[in-house]
Amino acid sequence: MSDKAEFEAFDAEQVARWLSAHPDFFYHREALLERLRLPHPHAPGTISLIERQMLTLRRRCERNEQQLAHLQRDHQQLQQRERDCHELMLALLEADGLDALAQTLAIQLSERFGIAAMALWLPAAPAAPLQPPLHLLDETRRTHFETALARADASPIALSETAWQSWLPAIRSPGHGGAAQPIRLALGERYAYLILADTHADRLQRGPLRHLTGYLGEVMTRLLLREAA
């Protein structure tokens, strides 16, 4: 068999398998390695095998650095979220009275979590008159809140202009409605409702508070029961 025929008898897969099975083939054949040329992956022309390996390693390092930077940003965001939650809970615990509790919650949610508006609807009025963001719950609004909660999939609910004015009567309407996240607070046999709202649903759905609404609801329930005691 001629050298040409013998060469043509091997296909690319066979050559690859043979080289994989004989890693010592290039031992003492550095000159051959230096002569091998491969197509440049990002530009016309060719580069040496060693240059191609260096390019591959450099790109791999860049990807690893990007992934590490992304993980570091996520870690920093989680740390900031933990600090914000800690400060929020401390501020709520230190609030003296129902009105101070509601005002503190509104301020903390705005400053730490970017929540543009909130309202807290109570099933019964205390001795002192309610001041926004506290409101006295009526049957119509209770029905609206329960209907919204029944069909919600934990995502914010779109509010029309009329619904915004009804759910957040003390907050000036943005003129085009918005979105709200209602949270039911079980106070014995009755319910209060905490309404978090914004002009854009993304701020509620993707904001730092999106995974903490259940926890916030539990804390507010306990604090409201404490105030009622």
C-alpha atoms as a PDB file:
ATOM      1  CA  MET A   1       0.000   0.000   0.000  1.00  0.00           C
ATOM      2  CA  SER A   2       1.404   3.437  -0.944  1.00  0.00           C
ATOM      3  CA  ASP A   3       1.961   6.159   1.633  1.00  0.00           C
ATOM      4  CA  LYS A   4      -0.887   8.140   0.044  1.00  0.00           C
ATOM      5  CA  ALA A   5      -3.304   5.205   0.199  1.00  0.00           C
ATOM      6  CA  GLU A   6      -2.293   4.471   3.792  1.00  0.00           C
ATOM      7  CA  PHE A   7      -2.851   8.124   4.730  1.00  0.00           C
ATOM      8  CA  GLU A   8      -6.263   8.232   3.069  1.00  0.00           C
ATOM      9  CA  ALA A   9      -7.313   5.105   4.965  1.00  0.00           C
ATOM     10  CA  PHE A  10      -7.576   7.133   8.177  1.00  0.00           C
ATOM     11  CA  ASP A  11     -10.457   9.523   8.671  1.00  0.00           C
ATOM     12  CA  ALA A  12     -10.533  12.444  11.100  1.00  0.00           C
ATOM     13  CA  GLU A  13     -12.228  10.462  13.873  1.00  0.00           C
ATOM     14  CA  GLN A  14      -9.619   7.708  13.687  1.00  0.00           C
ATOM     15  CA  VAL A  15      -6.792  10.227  13.822  1.00  0.00           C
ATOM     16  CA  ALA A  16      -8.391  11.927  16.828  1.00  0.00           C
ATOM     17  CA  ARG A  17      -8.841   8.619  18.634  1.00  0.00           C
ATOM     18  CA  TRP A  18      -5.284   7.566  17.880  1.00  0.00           C
ATOM     19  CA  LEU A  19      -3.821  10.832  19.167  1.00  0.00           C
ATOM     20  CA  SER A  20      -5.981  10.589  22.293  1.00  0.00           C
ATOM     21  CA  ALA A  21      -4.700   7.077  22.904  1.00  0.00           C
ATOM     22  CA  HIS A  22      -1.067   8.080  22.272  1.00  0.00           C
ATOM     23  CA  PRO A  23      -0.476  11.362  24.130  1.00  0.00           C
ATOM     24  CA  ASP A  24       3.259  10.718  23.992  1.00  0.00           C
ATOM     25  CA  PHE A  25       3.253  11.106  20.199  1.00  0.00           C
ATOM     26  CA  PHE A  26       4.363  14.735  20.447  1.00  0.00           C
ATOM     27  CA  TYR A  27       7.054  13.951  22.994  1.00  0.00           C
ATOM     28  CA  HIS A  28      10.337  15.260  21.579  1.00  0.00           C
ATOM     29  CA  ARG A  29       8.363  16.631  18.605  1.00  0.00           C
ATOM     30  CA  GLU A  30       8.144  20.260  19.755  1.00  0.00           C
ATOM     31  CA  ALA A  31       9.084  21.481  16.303  1.00  0.00           C
ATOM     32  CA  LEU A  32       6.040  19.723  14.859  1.00  0.00           C
ATOM     33  CA  LEU A  33       3.809  21.410  17.425  1.00  0.00           C
ATOM     34  CA  GLU A  34       5.263  24.787  16.496  1.00  0.00           C
ATOM     35  CA  ARG A  35       4.641  24.167  12.791  1.00  0.00           C
ATOM     36  CA  LEU A  36       0.996  23.205  13.221  1.00  0.00           C
ATOM     37  CA  ARG A  37      -1.306  26.014  12.089  1.00  0.00           C
ATOM     38  CA  LEU A  38      -4.996  26.356  12.907  1.00  0.00           C
ATOM     39  CA  PRO A  39      -7.658  28.747  11.605  1.00  0.00           C
ATOM     40  CA  HIS A  40      -7.891  31.861  13.764  1.00  0.00           C
ATOM     41  CA  PRO A  41     -11.251  31.723  15.583  1.00  0.00           C
ATOM     42  CA  HIS A  42     -11.919  35.474  15.361  1.00  0.00           C
ATOM     43  CA  ALA A  43      -9.904  36.808  12.436  1.00  0.00           C
ATOM     44  CA  PRO A  44      -8.729  35.818   8.962  1.00  0.00           C
ATOM     45  CA  GLY A  45      -5.600  33.724   8.702  1.00  0.00           C
ATOM     46  CA  THR A  46      -4.092  31.105  10.951  1.00  0.00           C
ATOM     47  CA  ILE A  47      -2.327  30.885  14.285  1.00  0.00           C
ATOM     48  CA  SER A  48      -0.064  28.301  15.817  1.00  0.00           C
ATOM     49  CA  LEU A  49      -1.442  25.561  18.013  1.00  0.00           C
ATOM     50  CA  ILE A  50       0.261  27.096  21.048  1.00  0.00           C
ATOM     51  CA  GLU A  51      -1.235  30.519  20.301  1.00  0.00           C
ATOM     52  CA  ARG A  52      -4.643  28.922  19.883  1.00  0.00           C
ATOM     53  CA  GLN A  53      -4.289  27.209  23.249  1.00  0.00           C
ATOM     54  CA  MET A  54      -3.277  30.492  24.881  1.00  0.00           C
ATOM     55  CA  LEU A  55      -6.259  32.227  23.296  1.00  0.00           C
ATOM     56  CA  THR A  56      -8.604  29.506  24.542  1.00  0.00           C
ATOM     57  CA  LEU A  57      -7.175  29.707  28.063  1.00  0.00           C
ATOM     58  CA  ARG A  58      -7.417  33.508  28.040  1.00  0.00           C
ATOM     59  CA  ARG A  59     -11.073  33.424  27.016  1.00  0.00           C
ATOM     60  CA  ARG A  60     -11.767  30.769  29.655  1.00  0.00           C
ATOM     61  CA  CYS A  61     -10.140  32.965  32.300  1.00  0.00           C
ATOM     62  CA  GLU A  62     -12.225  35.939  31.161  1.00  0.00           C
ATOM     63  CA  ARG A  63     -15.424  33.898  31.467  1.00  0.00           C
ATOM     64  CA  ASN A  64     -14.401  32.709  34.924  1.00  0.00           C
ATOM     65  CA  GLU A  65     -13.642  36.282  35.982  1.00  0.00           C
ATOM     66  CA  GLN A  66     -17.026  37.440  34.710  1.00  0.00           C
ATOM     67  CA  GLN A  67     -18.782  34.641  36.583  1.00  0.00           C
ATOM     68  CA  LEU A  68     -16.846  35.478  39.744  1.00  0.00           C
ATOM     69  CA  ALA A  69     -17.738  39.161  39.427  1.00  0.00           C
ATOM     70  CA  HIS A  70     -21.391  38.209  38.965  1.00  0.00           C
ATOM     71  CA  LEU A  71     -21.294  36.015  42.077  1.00  0.00           C
ATOM     72  CA  GLN A  72     -19.640  38.811  44.042  1.00  0.00           C
ATOM     73  CA  ARG A  73     -22.365  41.263  42.976  1.00  0.00           C
ATOM     74  CA  ASP A  74     -25.052  38.767  43.975  1.00  0.00           C
ATOM     75  CA  HIS A  75     -23.359  38.257  47.336  1.00  0.00           C
ATOM     76  CA  GLN A  76     -23.154  42.000  47.936  1.00  0.00           C
ATOM     77  CA  GLN A  77     -26.824  42.408  47.020  1.00  0.00           C
ATOM     78  CA  LEU A  78     -27.796  39.622  49.412  1.00  0.00           C
ATOM     79  CA  GLN A  79     -25.764  41.227  52.179  1.00  0.00           C
ATOM     80  CA  GLN A  80     -27.406  44.584  51.510  1.00  0.00           C
ATOM     81  CA  ARG A  81     -30.848  42.958  51.499  1.00  0.00           C
ATOM     82  CA  GLU A  82     -30.070  41.293  54.826  1.00  0.00           C
ATOM     83  CA  ARG A  83     -28.982  44.631  56.318  1.00  0.00           C
ATOM     84  CA  ASP A  84     -32.087  46.363  54.978  1.00  0.00           C
ATOM     85  CA  CYS A  85     -34.361  43.677  56.424  1.00  0.00           C
ATOM     86  CA  HIS A  86     -32.581  43.847  59.763  1.00  0.00           C
ATOM     87  CA  GLU A  87     -32.923  47.636  59.944  1.00  0.00           C
ATOM     88  CA  LEU A  88     -36.561  47.455  58.833  1.00  0.00           C
ATOM     89  CA  MET A  89     -37.448  44.993  61.583  1.00  0.00           C
ATOM     90  CA  LEU A  90     -35.609  46.995  64.243  1.00  0.00           C
ATOM     91  CA  ALA A  91     -37.395  50.172  63.189  1.00  0.00           C
ATOM     92  CA  LEU A  92     -40.797  48.459  63.280  1.00  0.00           C
ATOM     93  CA  LEU A  93     -40.128  46.972  66.715  1.00  0.00           C
ATOM     94  CA  GLU A  94     -39.146  50.390  68.060  1.00  0.00           C
ATOM     95  CA  ALA A  95     -42.262  52.120  66.684  1.00  0.00           C
ATOM     96  CA  ASP A  96     -44.489  53.336  69.511  1.00  0.00           C
ATOM     97  CA  GLY A  97     -48.160  53.125  68.635  1.00  0.00           C
ATOM     98  CA  LEU A  98     -50.194  52.173  65.593  1.00  0.00           C
ATOM     99  CA  ASP A  99     -49.697  55.430  63.718  1.00  0.00           C
ATOM    100  CA  ALA A 100     -45.933  55.362  64.281  1.00  0.00           C
ATOM    101  CA  LEU A 101     -45.836  51.744  63.124  1.00  0.00           C
ATOM    102  CA  ALA A 102     -47.562  52.578  59.833  1.00  0.00           C
ATOM    103  CA  GLN A 103     -45.473  55.693  59.222  1.00  0.00           C
ATOM    104  CA  THR A 104     -42.256  53.816  59.972  1.00  0.00           C
ATOM    105  CA  LEU A 105     -43.223  51.020  57.601  1.00  0.00           C
ATOM    106  CA  ALA A 106     -43.992  53.476  54.791  1.00  0.00           C
ATOM    107  CA  ILE A 107     -40.693  55.324  55.240  1.00  0.00           C
ATOM    108  CA  GLN A 108     -38.587  52.171  55.496  1.00  0.00           C
ATOM    109  CA  LEU A 109     -40.224  50.543  52.471  1.00  0.00           C
ATOM    110  CA  SER A 110     -39.629  53.662  50.399  1.00  0.00           C
ATOM    111  CA  GLU A 111     -36.040  54.328  51.457  1.00  0.00           C
ATOM    112  CA  ARG A 112     -34.724  50.772  51.669  1.00  0.00           C
ATOM    113  CA  PHE A 113     -36.779  48.862  49.108  1.00  0.00           C
ATOM    114  CA  GLY A 114     -37.988  51.490  46.654  1.00  0.00           C
ATOM    115  CA  ILE A 115     -41.697  50.852  47.288  1.00  0.00           C
ATOM    116  CA  ALA A 116     -43.431  53.970  45.999  1.00  0.00           C
ATOM    117  CA  ALA A 117     -46.707  53.677  47.901  1.00  0.00           C
ATOM    118  CA  MET A 118     -48.412  51.635  50.598  1.00  0.00           C
ATOM    119  CA  ALA A 119     -51.665  51.489  52.515  1.00  0.00           C
ATOM    120  CA  LEU A 120     -52.657  49.514  55.598  1.00  0.00           C
ATOM    121  CA  TRP A 121     -56.357  48.715  55.843  1.00  0.00           C
ATOM    122  CA  LEU A 122     -57.635  47.794  59.310  1.00  0.00           C
ATOM    123  CA  PRO A 123     -60.900  45.948  60.051  1.00  0.00           C
ATOM    124  CA  ALA A 124     -61.714  48.176  63.025  1.00  0.00           C
ATOM    125  CA  ALA A 125     -60.819  51.713  63.983  1.00  0.00           C
ATOM    126  CA  PRO A 126     -58.798  52.347  67.143  1.00  0.00           C
ATOM    127  CA  ALA A 127     -59.743  55.032  69.622  1.00  0.00           C
ATOM    128  CA  ALA A 128     -57.729  57.701  67.808  1.00  0.00           C
ATOM    129  CA  PRO A 129     -58.670  58.737  64.247  1.00  0.00           C
ATOM    130  CA  LEU A 130     -56.751  56.906  61.530  1.00  0.00           C
ATOM    131  CA  GLN A 131     -54.131  58.827  59.599  1.00  0.00           C
ATOM    132  CA  PRO A 132     -52.769  57.706  56.197  1.00  0.00           C
ATOM    133  CA  PRO A 133     -51.329  55.262  55.373  1.00  0.00           C
ATOM    134  CA  LEU A 134     -53.826  53.734  57.844  1.00  0.00           C
ATOM    135  CA  HIS A 135     -57.388  53.330  56.570  1.00  0.00           C
ATOM    136  CA  LEU A 136     -60.586  51.784  57.870  1.00  0.00           C
ATOM    137  CA  LEU A 137     -61.547  48.699  55.889  1.00  0.00           C
ATOM    138  CA  ASP A 138     -65.050  48.494  54.447  1.00  0.00           C
ATOM    139  CA  GLU A 139     -66.831  45.509  52.968  1.00  0.00           C
ATOM    140  CA  THR A 140     -66.455  46.695  49.375  1.00  0.00           C
ATOM    141  CA  ARG A 141     -62.692  46.974  49.591  1.00  0.00           C
ATOM    142  CA  ARG A 142     -62.410  43.741  51.561  1.00  0.00           C
ATOM    143  CA  THR A 143     -64.235  41.969  48.730  1.00  0.00           C
ATOM    144  CA  HIS A 144     -61.935  43.589  46.151  1.00  0.00           C
ATOM    145  CA  PHE A 145     -58.817  42.548  48.058  1.00  0.00           C
ATOM    146  CA  GLU A 146     -59.993  38.969  48.528  1.00  0.00           C
ATOM    147  CA  THR A 147     -60.970  38.680  44.873  1.00  0.00           C
ATOM    148  CA  ALA A 148     -57.533  39.926  43.838  1.00  0.00           C
ATOM    149  CA  LEU A 149     -55.765  37.537  46.218  1.00  0.00           C
ATOM    150  CA  ALA A 150     -57.845  34.589  45.020  1.00  0.00           C
ATOM    151  CA  ARG A 151     -56.774  34.998  41.413  1.00  0.00           C
ATOM    152  CA  ALA A 152     -53.217  36.190  41.991  1.00  0.00           C
ATOM    153  CA  ASP A 153     -50.260  33.879  41.397  1.00  0.00           C
ATOM    154  CA  ALA A 154     -48.017  35.785  43.830  1.00  0.00           C
ATOM    155  CA  SER A 155     -47.268  38.336  41.102  1.00  0.00           C
ATOM    156  CA  PRO A 156     -48.312  42.008  41.319  1.00  0.00           C
ATOM    157  CA  ILE A 157     -51.848  42.904  40.283  1.00  0.00           C
ATOM    158  CA  ALA A 158     -52.461  45.576  37.658  1.00  0.00           C
ATOM    159  CA  LEU A 159     -54.400  48.559  38.973  1.00  0.00           C
ATOM    160  CA  SER A 160     -56.538  50.807  36.846  1.00  0.00           C
ATOM    161  CA  GLU A 161     -56.722  54.503  37.647  1.00  0.00           C
ATOM    162  CA  THR A 162     -59.960  53.925  39.545  1.00  0.00           C
ATOM    163  CA  ALA A 163     -58.551  50.943  41.445  1.00  0.00           C
ATOM    164  CA  TRP A 164     -55.471  52.935  42.455  1.00  0.00           C
ATOM    165  CA  GLN A 165     -57.662  55.683  43.918  1.00  0.00           C
ATOM    166  CA  SER A 166     -59.702  53.078  45.790  1.00  0.00           C
ATOM    167  CA  TRP A 167     -56.808  50.999  47.130  1.00  0.00           C
ATOM    168  CA  LEU A 168     -54.500  53.931  47.924  1.00  0.00           C
ATOM    169  CA  PRO A 169     -56.776  56.924  48.521  1.00  0.00           C
ATOM    170  CA  ALA A 170     -54.120  59.041  50.238  1.00  0.00           C
ATOM    171  CA  ILE A 171     -51.518  58.572  47.469  1.00  0.00           C
ATOM    172  CA  ARG A 172     -51.786  60.781  44.437  1.00  0.00           C
ATOM    173  CA  SER A 173     -52.596  58.730  41.384  1.00  0.00           C
ATOM    174  CA  PRO A 174     -49.844  58.541  38.733  1.00  0.00           C
ATOM    175  CA  GLY A 175     -52.468  59.148  36.045  1.00  0.00           C
ATOM    176  CA  HIS A 176     -52.165  55.742  34.401  1.00  0.00           C
ATOM    177  CA  GLY A 177     -52.785  53.289  37.214  1.00  0.00           C
ATOM    178  CA  GLY A 178     -50.034  50.970  38.342  1.00  0.00           C
ATOM    179  CA  ALA A 179     -49.539  47.665  40.123  1.00  0.00           C
ATOM    180  CA  ALA A 180     -50.068  46.426  43.667  1.00  0.00           C
ATOM    181  CA  GLN A 181     -49.105  43.514  45.880  1.00  0.00           C
ATOM    182  CA  PRO A 182     -51.835  42.854  48.473  1.00  0.00           C
ATOM    183  CA  ILE A 183     -50.843  40.997  51.640  1.00  0.00           C
ATOM    184  CA  ARG A 184     -53.475  39.482  53.917  1.00  0.00           C
ATOM    185  CA  LEU A 185     -52.839  39.880  57.666  1.00  0.00           C
ATOM    186  CA  ALA A 186     -54.815  37.490  59.876  1.00  0.00           C
ATOM    187  CA  LEU A 187     -55.911  39.258  63.079  1.00  0.00           C
ATOM    188  CA  GLY A 188     -57.858  36.539  64.815  1.00  0.00           C
ATOM    189  CA  GLU A 189     -61.158  36.094  62.991  1.00  0.00           C
ATOM    190  CA  ARG A 190     -60.707  39.277  60.965  1.00  0.00           C
ATOM    191  CA  TYR A 191     -58.214  40.394  58.368  1.00  0.00           C
ATOM    192  CA  ALA A 192     -56.199  43.508  57.746  1.00  0.00           C
ATOM    193  CA  TYR A 193     -54.637  44.160  54.342  1.00  0.00           C
ATOM    194  CA  LEU A 194     -51.246  45.627  53.560  1.00  0.00           C
ATOM    195  CA  ILE A 195     -51.063  47.073  50.046  1.00  0.00           C
ATOM    196  CA  LEU A 196     -47.673  47.668  48.416  1.00  0.00           C
ATOM    197  CA  ALA A 197     -47.897  49.599  45.163  1.00  0.00           C
ATOM    198  CA  ASP A 198     -45.848  51.182  42.417  1.00  0.00           C
ATOM    199  CA  THR A 199     -46.413  52.763  39.050  1.00  0.00           C
ATOM    200  CA  HIS A 200     -44.502  49.904  37.406  1.00  0.00           C
ATOM    201  CA  ALA A 201     -45.076  46.214  38.122  1.00  0.00           C
ATOM    202  CA  ASP A 202     -41.387  45.385  37.502  1.00  0.00           C
ATOM    203  CA  ARG A 203     -40.347  47.294  40.603  1.00  0.00           C
ATOM    204  CA  LEU A 204     -42.553  45.050  42.700  1.00  0.00           C
ATOM    205  CA  GLN A 205     -41.903  41.841  40.789  1.00  0.00           C
ATOM    206  CA  ARG A 206     -38.127  42.190  40.496  1.00  0.00           C
ATOM    207  CA  GLY A 207     -37.342  44.468  43.417  1.00  0.00           C
ATOM    208  CA  PRO A 208     -35.443  43.424  46.550  1.00  0.00           C
ATOM    209  CA  LEU A 209     -38.661  42.898  48.539  1.00  0.00           C
ATOM    210  CA  ARG A 210     -40.227  40.392  46.138  1.00  0.00           C
ATOM    211  CA  HIS A 211     -39.129  37.327  48.151  1.00  0.00           C
ATOM    212  CA  LEU A 212     -39.912  38.870  51.526  1.00  0.00           C
ATOM    213  CA  THR A 213     -43.584  39.783  51.336  1.00  0.00           C
ATOM    214  CA  GLY A 214     -44.642  36.667  53.244  1.00  0.00           C
ATOM    215  CA  TYR A 215     -42.126  37.370  55.995  1.00  0.00           C
ATOM    216  CA  LEU A 216     -43.168  41.026  56.138  1.00  0.00           C
ATOM    217  CA  GLY A 217     -46.805  39.954  56.422  1.00  0.00           C
ATOM    218  CA  GLU A 218     -46.042  37.696  59.392  1.00  0.00           C
ATOM    219  CA  VAL A 219     -44.108  40.432  61.181  1.00  0.00           C
ATOM    220  CA  MET A 220     -46.815  43.039  60.611  1.00  0.00           C
ATOM    221  CA  THR A 221     -49.496  40.617  61.801  1.00  0.00           C
ATOM    222  CA  ARG A 222     -47.660  40.094  65.092  1.00  0.00           C
ATOM    223  CA  LEU A 223     -47.060  43.811  65.559  1.00  0.00           C
ATOM    224  CA  LEU A 224     -50.703  44.692  64.878  1.00  0.00           C
ATOM    225  CA  LEU A 225     -51.816  42.062  67.379  1.00  0.00           C
ATOM    226  CA  ARG A 226     -49.372  43.561  69.876  1.00  0.00           C
ATOM    227  CA  GLU A 227     -50.867  47.014  69.353  1.00  0.00           C
ATOM    228  CA  ALA A 228     -54.383  45.659  69.804  1.00  0.00           C
ATOM    229  CA  ALA A 229     -53.538  43.907  73.075  1.00  0.00           C
END
